[in-house]
């Protein structure tokens, strides 16, 4: 990234960056292509180099801006990016997620279901490893905590059920929503997903903890096990 660039090219690069900046400040990001957004992010940490080819390559390698921003630091380093550049990408991801998260804060989760699904999709759909999160709710269905409890499969359902219920009791939660992603992209619940859900519903009933739903997220969409009649 620290290659020598002739002065004439430096001038062209600087002019292009200035035009990108002016467009962003005057009209916002609405008219930008994804590669232009990434290109401008890269300019913040890569001086005097045309970052458009790199932006397009990264989007092609990762399959879009969502998977790129959600990629972990080790994967991005293998693409040849510096820690400063990786940090620029991760702060963009964090800001986008924070904006979506604010739409569900301070109000009953069940009355803002579309906003919740948008947030969950942005946070989890493009992950390359499976992650299980639990949203813990109080008696008014307000969000108490949004926690990633484990990564990997849900095969050991009984172990995970105890972990979820124990955490709910510790938080004083009276309800929960379980969410996990399918890295394959297909959000169709597996047999293990259904078993875990039903075991959680049974265990929660004994402890007066309601399981509202189990949402499976993938790049192809998301599914609600309650809507499918699986719980």
C-alpha atoms as a PDB file:
ATOM      1  CA  UNK A   1       0.000   0.000   0.000  1.00  0.00           C
ATOM      2  CA  UNK A   2       3.037   2.306   0.406  1.00  0.00           C
ATOM      3  CA  UNK A   3       4.038   2.105  -3.251  1.00  0.00           C
ATOM      4  CA  UNK A   4       5.536   5.160  -4.944  1.00  0.00           C
ATOM      5  CA  UNK A   5       3.032   7.066  -7.074  1.00  0.00           C
ATOM      6  CA  UNK A   6       4.145   9.699  -9.614  1.00  0.00           C
ATOM      7  CA  UNK A   7       3.319  13.302  -8.780  1.00  0.00           C
ATOM      8  CA  UNK A   8       0.886  13.688 -11.689  1.00  0.00           C
ATOM      9  CA  UNK A   9      -1.052  10.646 -10.512  1.00  0.00           C
ATOM     10  CA  UNK A  10      -1.007  11.970  -6.936  1.00  0.00           C
ATOM     11  CA  UNK A  11      -2.735  15.085  -8.226  1.00  0.00           C
ATOM     12  CA  UNK A  12      -5.394  13.059 -10.022  1.00  0.00           C
ATOM     13  CA  UNK A  13      -5.966  10.881  -6.954  1.00  0.00           C
ATOM     14  CA  UNK A  14      -6.262  13.936  -4.721  1.00  0.00           C
ATOM     15  CA  UNK A  15      -8.749  15.554  -7.075  1.00  0.00           C
ATOM     16  CA  UNK A  16     -10.877  12.417  -7.234  1.00  0.00           C
ATOM     17  CA  UNK A  17     -10.888  12.111  -3.447  1.00  0.00           C
ATOM     18  CA  UNK A  18     -11.926  15.731  -3.149  1.00  0.00           C
ATOM     19  CA  UNK A  19     -14.834  15.163  -5.514  1.00  0.00           C
ATOM     20  CA  UNK A  20     -15.950  12.109  -3.528  1.00  0.00           C
ATOM     21  CA  UNK A  21     -15.786  14.136  -0.339  1.00  0.00           C
ATOM     22  CA  UNK A  22     -17.741  17.026  -1.835  1.00  0.00           C
ATOM     23  CA  UNK A  23     -20.458  14.672  -3.092  1.00  0.00           C
ATOM     24  CA  UNK A  24     -20.712  13.046   0.321  1.00  0.00           C
ATOM     25  CA  UNK A  25     -20.967  16.371   2.150  1.00  0.00           C
ATOM     26  CA  UNK A  26     -23.400  17.993  -0.254  1.00  0.00           C
ATOM     27  CA  UNK A  27     -25.741  15.123  -1.140  1.00  0.00           C
ATOM     28  CA  UNK A  28     -25.123  12.416   1.459  1.00  0.00           C
ATOM     29  CA  UNK A  29     -24.344   8.772   0.759  1.00  0.00           C
ATOM     30  CA  UNK A  30     -27.603   7.986  -1.036  1.00  0.00           C
ATOM     31  CA  UNK A  31     -26.188   8.387  -4.524  1.00  0.00           C
ATOM     32  CA  UNK A  32     -23.019   6.406  -3.880  1.00  0.00           C
ATOM     33  CA  UNK A  33     -22.298   2.950  -5.253  1.00  0.00           C
ATOM     34  CA  UNK A  34     -21.070   0.423  -2.699  1.00  0.00           C
ATOM     35  CA  UNK A  35     -17.581   0.489  -4.184  1.00  0.00           C
ATOM     36  CA  UNK A  36     -17.486   4.281  -3.757  1.00  0.00           C
ATOM     37  CA  UNK A  37     -18.392   4.024  -0.067  1.00  0.00           C
ATOM     38  CA  UNK A  38     -15.636   1.473   0.485  1.00  0.00           C
ATOM     39  CA  UNK A  39     -13.266   3.470  -1.696  1.00  0.00           C
ATOM     40  CA  UNK A  40     -13.744   6.555   0.462  1.00  0.00           C
ATOM     41  CA  UNK A  41     -13.322   4.569   3.674  1.00  0.00           C
ATOM     42  CA  UNK A  42     -10.023   3.258   2.332  1.00  0.00           C
ATOM     43  CA  UNK A  43      -8.806   6.767   1.524  1.00  0.00           C
ATOM     44  CA  UNK A  44      -8.925   7.597   5.226  1.00  0.00           C
ATOM     45  CA  UNK A  45      -5.968   5.305   5.904  1.00  0.00           C
ATOM     46  CA  UNK A  46      -4.287   4.762   2.520  1.00  0.00           C
ATOM     47  CA  UNK A  47      -2.688   8.005   1.282  1.00  0.00           C
ATOM     48  CA  UNK A  48      -1.766   8.942  -2.295  1.00  0.00           C
ATOM     49  CA  UNK A  49      -3.118   5.745  -3.876  1.00  0.00           C
ATOM     50  CA  UNK A  50      -6.174   5.210  -6.061  1.00  0.00           C
ATOM     51  CA  UNK A  51      -8.280   2.989  -3.790  1.00  0.00           C
ATOM     52  CA  UNK A  52     -11.056   2.260  -6.293  1.00  0.00           C
ATOM     53  CA  UNK A  53      -9.476  -0.975  -7.648  1.00  0.00           C
ATOM     54  CA  UNK A  54      -8.913  -2.255  -4.106  1.00  0.00           C
ATOM     55  CA  UNK A  55     -12.485  -1.384  -3.103  1.00  0.00           C
ATOM     56  CA  UNK A  56     -13.880  -3.275  -6.094  1.00  0.00           C
ATOM     57  CA  UNK A  57     -11.629  -6.259  -5.440  1.00  0.00           C
ATOM     58  CA  UNK A  58     -12.653  -6.466  -1.787  1.00  0.00           C
ATOM     59  CA  UNK A  59     -16.341  -6.292  -2.659  1.00  0.00           C
ATOM     60  CA  UNK A  60     -15.846  -9.030  -5.228  1.00  0.00           C
ATOM     61  CA  UNK A  61     -13.838 -11.249  -2.877  1.00  0.00           C
ATOM     62  CA  UNK A  62     -16.340 -10.944  -0.022  1.00  0.00           C
ATOM     63  CA  UNK A  63     -19.528 -10.829  -2.061  1.00  0.00           C
ATOM     64  CA  UNK A  64     -20.744  -7.383  -1.070  1.00  0.00           C
ATOM     65  CA  UNK A  65     -20.384  -4.581   1.433  1.00  0.00           C
ATOM     66  CA  UNK A  66     -22.187  -6.439   4.242  1.00  0.00           C
ATOM     67  CA  UNK A  67     -19.870  -9.469   4.260  1.00  0.00           C
ATOM     68  CA  UNK A  68     -16.850  -7.173   3.892  1.00  0.00           C
ATOM     69  CA  UNK A  69     -17.718  -5.041   6.916  1.00  0.00           C
ATOM     70  CA  UNK A  70     -18.553  -8.122   8.993  1.00  0.00           C
ATOM     71  CA  UNK A  71     -15.351  -9.986   8.154  1.00  0.00           C
ATOM     72  CA  UNK A  72     -13.094 -10.485  11.143  1.00  0.00           C
ATOM     73  CA  UNK A  73      -9.735  -8.789  11.433  1.00  0.00           C
ATOM     74  CA  UNK A  74      -7.646 -11.897  10.676  1.00  0.00           C
ATOM     75  CA  UNK A  75      -9.484 -12.475   7.402  1.00  0.00           C
ATOM     76  CA  UNK A  76      -9.039  -8.833   6.413  1.00  0.00           C
ATOM     77  CA  UNK A  77      -5.319  -8.977   7.231  1.00  0.00           C
ATOM     78  CA  UNK A  78      -4.983 -11.902   4.845  1.00  0.00           C
ATOM     79  CA  UNK A  79      -6.363  -9.565   2.178  1.00  0.00           C
ATOM     80  CA  UNK A  80      -3.331  -7.358   2.798  1.00  0.00           C
ATOM     81  CA  UNK A  81      -5.101  -4.629   4.766  1.00  0.00           C
ATOM     82  CA  UNK A  82      -3.364  -2.757   7.579  1.00  0.00           C
ATOM     83  CA  UNK A  83      -4.813  -2.556  11.067  1.00  0.00           C
ATOM     84  CA  UNK A  84      -5.648   1.114  10.486  1.00  0.00           C
ATOM     85  CA  UNK A  85      -7.660   0.244   7.379  1.00  0.00           C
ATOM     86  CA  UNK A  86      -9.374  -2.649   9.142  1.00  0.00           C
ATOM     87  CA  UNK A  87     -10.310  -0.292  11.982  1.00  0.00           C
ATOM     88  CA  UNK A  88     -11.887   2.120   9.476  1.00  0.00           C
ATOM     89  CA  UNK A  89     -14.040  -0.698   8.086  1.00  0.00           C
ATOM     90  CA  UNK A  90     -15.004  -1.925  11.546  1.00  0.00           C
ATOM     91  CA  UNK A  91     -16.010   1.531  12.775  1.00  0.00           C
ATOM     92  CA  UNK A  92     -18.279   1.838   9.732  1.00  0.00           C
ATOM     93  CA  UNK A  93     -19.852  -1.503  10.657  1.00  0.00           C
ATOM     94  CA  UNK A  94     -20.235  -0.467  14.297  1.00  0.00           C
ATOM     95  CA  UNK A  95     -21.867   2.841  13.347  1.00  0.00           C
ATOM     96  CA  UNK A  96     -24.349   1.127  11.010  1.00  0.00           C
ATOM     97  CA  UNK A  97     -25.289  -1.428  13.658  1.00  0.00           C
ATOM     98  CA  UNK A  98     -25.600   1.248  16.346  1.00  0.00           C
ATOM     99  CA  UNK A  99     -27.987   3.231  14.147  1.00  0.00           C
ATOM    100  CA  UNK A 100     -30.182   0.148  13.633  1.00  0.00           C
ATOM    101  CA  UNK A 101     -29.964  -0.769  17.308  1.00  0.00           C
ATOM    102  CA  UNK A 102     -31.316   2.616  18.391  1.00  0.00           C
ATOM    103  CA  UNK A 103     -34.571   1.810  16.555  1.00  0.00           C
ATOM    104  CA  UNK A 104     -35.325  -0.953  19.066  1.00  0.00           C
ATOM    105  CA  UNK A 105     -34.039   0.700  22.227  1.00  0.00           C
ATOM    106  CA  UNK A 106     -36.491   2.078  24.762  1.00  0.00           C
ATOM    107  CA  UNK A 107     -39.593   0.422  23.332  1.00  0.00           C
ATOM    108  CA  UNK A 108     -41.232  -3.010  23.503  1.00  0.00           C
ATOM    109  CA  UNK A 109     -39.347  -5.342  21.181  1.00  0.00           C
ATOM    110  CA  UNK A 110     -42.474  -7.090  19.934  1.00  0.00           C
ATOM    111  CA  UNK A 111     -43.970  -3.806  18.720  1.00  0.00           C
ATOM    112  CA  UNK A 112     -40.856  -2.994  16.670  1.00  0.00           C
ATOM    113  CA  UNK A 113     -40.450  -6.370  15.000  1.00  0.00           C
ATOM    114  CA  UNK A 114     -39.456  -5.025  11.570  1.00  0.00           C
ATOM    115  CA  UNK A 115     -36.746  -2.857  13.111  1.00  0.00           C
ATOM    116  CA  UNK A 116     -35.523  -5.814  15.156  1.00  0.00           C
ATOM    117  CA  UNK A 117     -35.320  -8.029  12.091  1.00  0.00           C
ATOM    118  CA  UNK A 118     -33.414  -5.356  10.162  1.00  0.00           C
ATOM    119  CA  UNK A 119     -30.918  -5.092  13.017  1.00  0.00           C
ATOM    120  CA  UNK A 120     -30.491  -8.868  13.340  1.00  0.00           C
ATOM    121  CA  UNK A 121     -30.023  -9.299   9.616  1.00  0.00           C
ATOM    122  CA  UNK A 122     -27.366  -6.569   9.479  1.00  0.00           C
ATOM    123  CA  UNK A 123     -25.579  -7.971  12.511  1.00  0.00           C
ATOM    124  CA  UNK A 124     -25.628 -11.677  11.711  1.00  0.00           C
ATOM    125  CA  UNK A 125     -26.589 -12.572   8.148  1.00  0.00           C
ATOM    126  CA  UNK A 126     -23.115 -12.312   6.639  1.00  0.00           C
ATOM    127  CA  UNK A 127     -21.133 -14.022   9.388  1.00  0.00           C
ATOM    128  CA  UNK A 128     -19.026 -16.909   8.156  1.00  0.00           C
ATOM    129  CA  UNK A 129     -19.366 -18.803  11.418  1.00  0.00           C
ATOM    130  CA  UNK A 130     -22.540 -19.749  13.238  1.00  0.00           C
ATOM    131  CA  UNK A 131     -23.375 -17.605  16.253  1.00  0.00           C
ATOM    132  CA  UNK A 132     -26.260 -17.873  18.685  1.00  0.00           C
ATOM    133  CA  UNK A 133     -27.559 -14.728  20.369  1.00  0.00           C
ATOM    134  CA  UNK A 134     -30.301 -14.322  22.937  1.00  0.00           C
ATOM    135  CA  UNK A 135     -32.371 -11.195  23.485  1.00  0.00           C
ATOM    136  CA  UNK A 136     -33.436 -11.100  27.137  1.00  0.00           C
ATOM    137  CA  UNK A 137     -36.623  -9.120  27.869  1.00  0.00           C
ATOM    138  CA  UNK A 138     -38.355  -7.823  30.979  1.00  0.00           C
ATOM    139  CA  UNK A 139     -42.055  -8.105  31.814  1.00  0.00           C
ATOM    140  CA  UNK A 140     -42.841  -5.211  29.443  1.00  0.00           C
ATOM    141  CA  UNK A 141     -40.848  -6.885  26.649  1.00  0.00           C
ATOM    142  CA  UNK A 142     -38.180  -4.199  26.855  1.00  0.00           C
ATOM    143  CA  UNK A 143     -34.668  -5.298  25.968  1.00  0.00           C
ATOM    144  CA  UNK A 144     -32.511  -6.093  29.009  1.00  0.00           C
ATOM    145  CA  UNK A 145     -29.567  -7.597  27.168  1.00  0.00           C
ATOM    146  CA  UNK A 146     -28.537  -8.760  23.713  1.00  0.00           C
ATOM    147  CA  UNK A 147     -25.827 -11.360  24.178  1.00  0.00           C
ATOM    148  CA  UNK A 148     -23.888 -13.795  22.023  1.00  0.00           C
ATOM    149  CA  UNK A 149     -23.923 -16.907  24.192  1.00  0.00           C
ATOM    150  CA  UNK A 150     -22.015 -19.308  21.975  1.00  0.00           C
ATOM    151  CA  UNK A 151     -20.579 -19.935  18.543  1.00  0.00           C
ATOM    152  CA  UNK A 152     -20.933 -23.121  16.570  1.00  0.00           C
ATOM    153  CA  UNK A 153     -23.712 -25.651  16.179  1.00  0.00           C
ATOM    154  CA  UNK A 154     -26.695 -26.141  18.467  1.00  0.00           C
ATOM    155  CA  UNK A 155     -26.264 -29.908  18.612  1.00  0.00           C
ATOM    156  CA  UNK A 156     -25.747 -30.075  22.389  1.00  0.00           C
ATOM    157  CA  UNK A 157     -29.211 -28.701  23.036  1.00  0.00           C
ATOM    158  CA  UNK A 158     -29.472 -29.676  26.698  1.00  0.00           C
ATOM    159  CA  UNK A 159     -26.239 -27.869  27.584  1.00  0.00           C
ATOM    160  CA  UNK A 160     -27.350 -24.711  25.801  1.00  0.00           C
ATOM    161  CA  UNK A 161     -30.811 -24.761  27.352  1.00  0.00           C
ATOM    162  CA  UNK A 162     -29.322 -24.708  30.860  1.00  0.00           C
ATOM    163  CA  UNK A 163     -26.991 -21.867  29.868  1.00  0.00           C
ATOM    164  CA  UNK A 164     -29.808 -19.729  28.433  1.00  0.00           C
ATOM    165  CA  UNK A 165     -32.180 -20.273  31.354  1.00  0.00           C
ATOM    166  CA  UNK A 166     -29.434 -19.607  33.911  1.00  0.00           C
ATOM    167  CA  UNK A 167     -28.541 -16.341  32.194  1.00  0.00           C
ATOM    168  CA  UNK A 168     -32.198 -15.294  32.009  1.00  0.00           C
ATOM    169  CA  UNK A 169     -32.608 -15.873  35.743  1.00  0.00           C
ATOM    170  CA  UNK A 170     -29.417 -13.907  36.490  1.00  0.00           C
ATOM    171  CA  UNK A 171     -30.723 -10.938  34.459  1.00  0.00           C
ATOM    172  CA  UNK A 172     -34.218 -11.123  35.913  1.00  0.00           C
ATOM    173  CA  UNK A 173     -35.646 -11.692  32.424  1.00  0.00           C
ATOM    174  CA  UNK A 174     -39.197 -12.937  32.010  1.00  0.00           C
ATOM    175  CA  UNK A 175     -39.010 -13.557  28.250  1.00  0.00           C
ATOM    176  CA  UNK A 176     -36.453 -14.103  25.520  1.00  0.00           C
ATOM    177  CA  UNK A 177     -35.938 -14.384  21.788  1.00  0.00           C
ATOM    178  CA  UNK A 178     -33.223 -16.678  20.485  1.00  0.00           C
ATOM    179  CA  UNK A 179     -31.495 -15.817  17.218  1.00  0.00           C
ATOM    180  CA  UNK A 180     -28.832 -17.535  15.199  1.00  0.00           C
ATOM    181  CA  UNK A 181     -27.414 -17.415  11.702  1.00  0.00           C
ATOM    182  CA  UNK A 182     -26.836 -20.019   9.018  1.00  0.00           C
ATOM    183  CA  UNK A 183     -23.559 -19.246   7.193  1.00  0.00           C
ATOM    184  CA  UNK A 184     -24.892 -21.255   4.223  1.00  0.00           C
ATOM    185  CA  UNK A 185     -27.338 -18.386   3.649  1.00  0.00           C
ATOM    186  CA  UNK A 186     -30.407 -20.633   3.863  1.00  0.00           C
ATOM    187  CA  UNK A 187     -32.496 -19.642   6.921  1.00  0.00           C
ATOM    188  CA  UNK A 188     -34.506 -22.869   6.975  1.00  0.00           C
ATOM    189  CA  UNK A 189     -34.471 -24.256  10.566  1.00  0.00           C
ATOM    190  CA  UNK A 190     -32.649 -27.546  11.009  1.00  0.00           C
ATOM    191  CA  UNK A 191     -33.824 -30.482  13.100  1.00  0.00           C
ATOM    192  CA  UNK A 192     -31.364 -29.397  15.814  1.00  0.00           C
ATOM    193  CA  UNK A 193     -32.704 -25.836  15.716  1.00  0.00           C
ATOM    194  CA  UNK A 194     -36.253 -27.078  16.235  1.00  0.00           C
ATOM    195  CA  UNK A 195     -35.237 -29.398  19.069  1.00  0.00           C
ATOM    196  CA  UNK A 196     -33.357 -26.635  20.888  1.00  0.00           C
ATOM    197  CA  UNK A 197     -36.345 -24.328  20.543  1.00  0.00           C
ATOM    198  CA  UNK A 198     -38.811 -26.823  21.940  1.00  0.00           C
ATOM    199  CA  UNK A 199     -36.486 -27.738  24.795  1.00  0.00           C
ATOM    200  CA  UNK A 200     -36.120 -24.039  25.628  1.00  0.00           C
ATOM    201  CA  UNK A 201     -39.877 -23.508  25.581  1.00  0.00           C
ATOM    202  CA  UNK A 202     -40.367 -26.441  27.959  1.00  0.00           C
ATOM    203  CA  UNK A 203     -37.601 -25.341  30.325  1.00  0.00           C
ATOM    204  CA  UNK A 204     -38.759 -21.729  30.267  1.00  0.00           C
ATOM    205  CA  UNK A 205     -42.337 -22.704  31.105  1.00  0.00           C
ATOM    206  CA  UNK A 206     -41.168 -24.289  34.364  1.00  0.00           C
ATOM    207  CA  UNK A 207     -39.261 -21.115  35.308  1.00  0.00           C
ATOM    208  CA  UNK A 208     -41.998 -18.708  34.094  1.00  0.00           C
ATOM    209  CA  UNK A 209     -39.788 -17.481  31.254  1.00  0.00           C
ATOM    210  CA  UNK A 210     -41.534 -17.090  27.904  1.00  0.00           C
ATOM    211  CA  UNK A 211     -39.727 -17.918  24.678  1.00  0.00           C
ATOM    212  CA  UNK A 212     -41.309 -15.581  22.147  1.00  0.00           C
ATOM    213  CA  UNK A 213     -39.491 -16.831  19.061  1.00  0.00           C
ATOM    214  CA  UNK A 214     -36.430 -18.402  17.519  1.00  0.00           C
ATOM    215  CA  UNK A 215     -35.301 -16.428  14.474  1.00  0.00           C
ATOM    216  CA  UNK A 216     -32.892 -17.938  11.948  1.00  0.00           C
ATOM    217  CA  UNK A 217     -30.980 -15.431   9.829  1.00  0.00           C
ATOM    218  CA  UNK A 218     -29.216 -15.989   6.506  1.00  0.00           C
ATOM    219  CA  UNK A 219     -28.219 -13.980   3.473  1.00  0.00           C
ATOM    220  CA  UNK A 220     -31.301 -15.380   1.708  1.00  0.00           C
ATOM    221  CA  UNK A 221     -33.636 -13.975   4.365  1.00  0.00           C
ATOM    222  CA  UNK A 222     -34.836 -14.893   7.840  1.00  0.00           C
ATOM    223  CA  UNK A 223     -37.395 -17.250   9.306  1.00  0.00           C
ATOM    224  CA  UNK A 224     -39.483 -17.142  12.453  1.00  0.00           C
ATOM    225  CA  UNK A 225     -40.127 -20.516  14.024  1.00  0.00           C
ATOM    226  CA  UNK A 226     -43.254 -19.144  15.698  1.00  0.00           C
ATOM    227  CA  UNK A 227     -44.605 -17.977  12.348  1.00  0.00           C
ATOM    228  CA  UNK A 228     -43.823 -21.406  10.911  1.00  0.00           C
ATOM    229  CA  UNK A 229     -45.752 -23.114  13.711  1.00  0.00           C
ATOM    230  CA  UNK A 230     -42.681 -24.911  15.014  1.00  0.00           C
ATOM    231  CA  UNK A 231     -43.071 -23.816  18.632  1.00  0.00           C
END
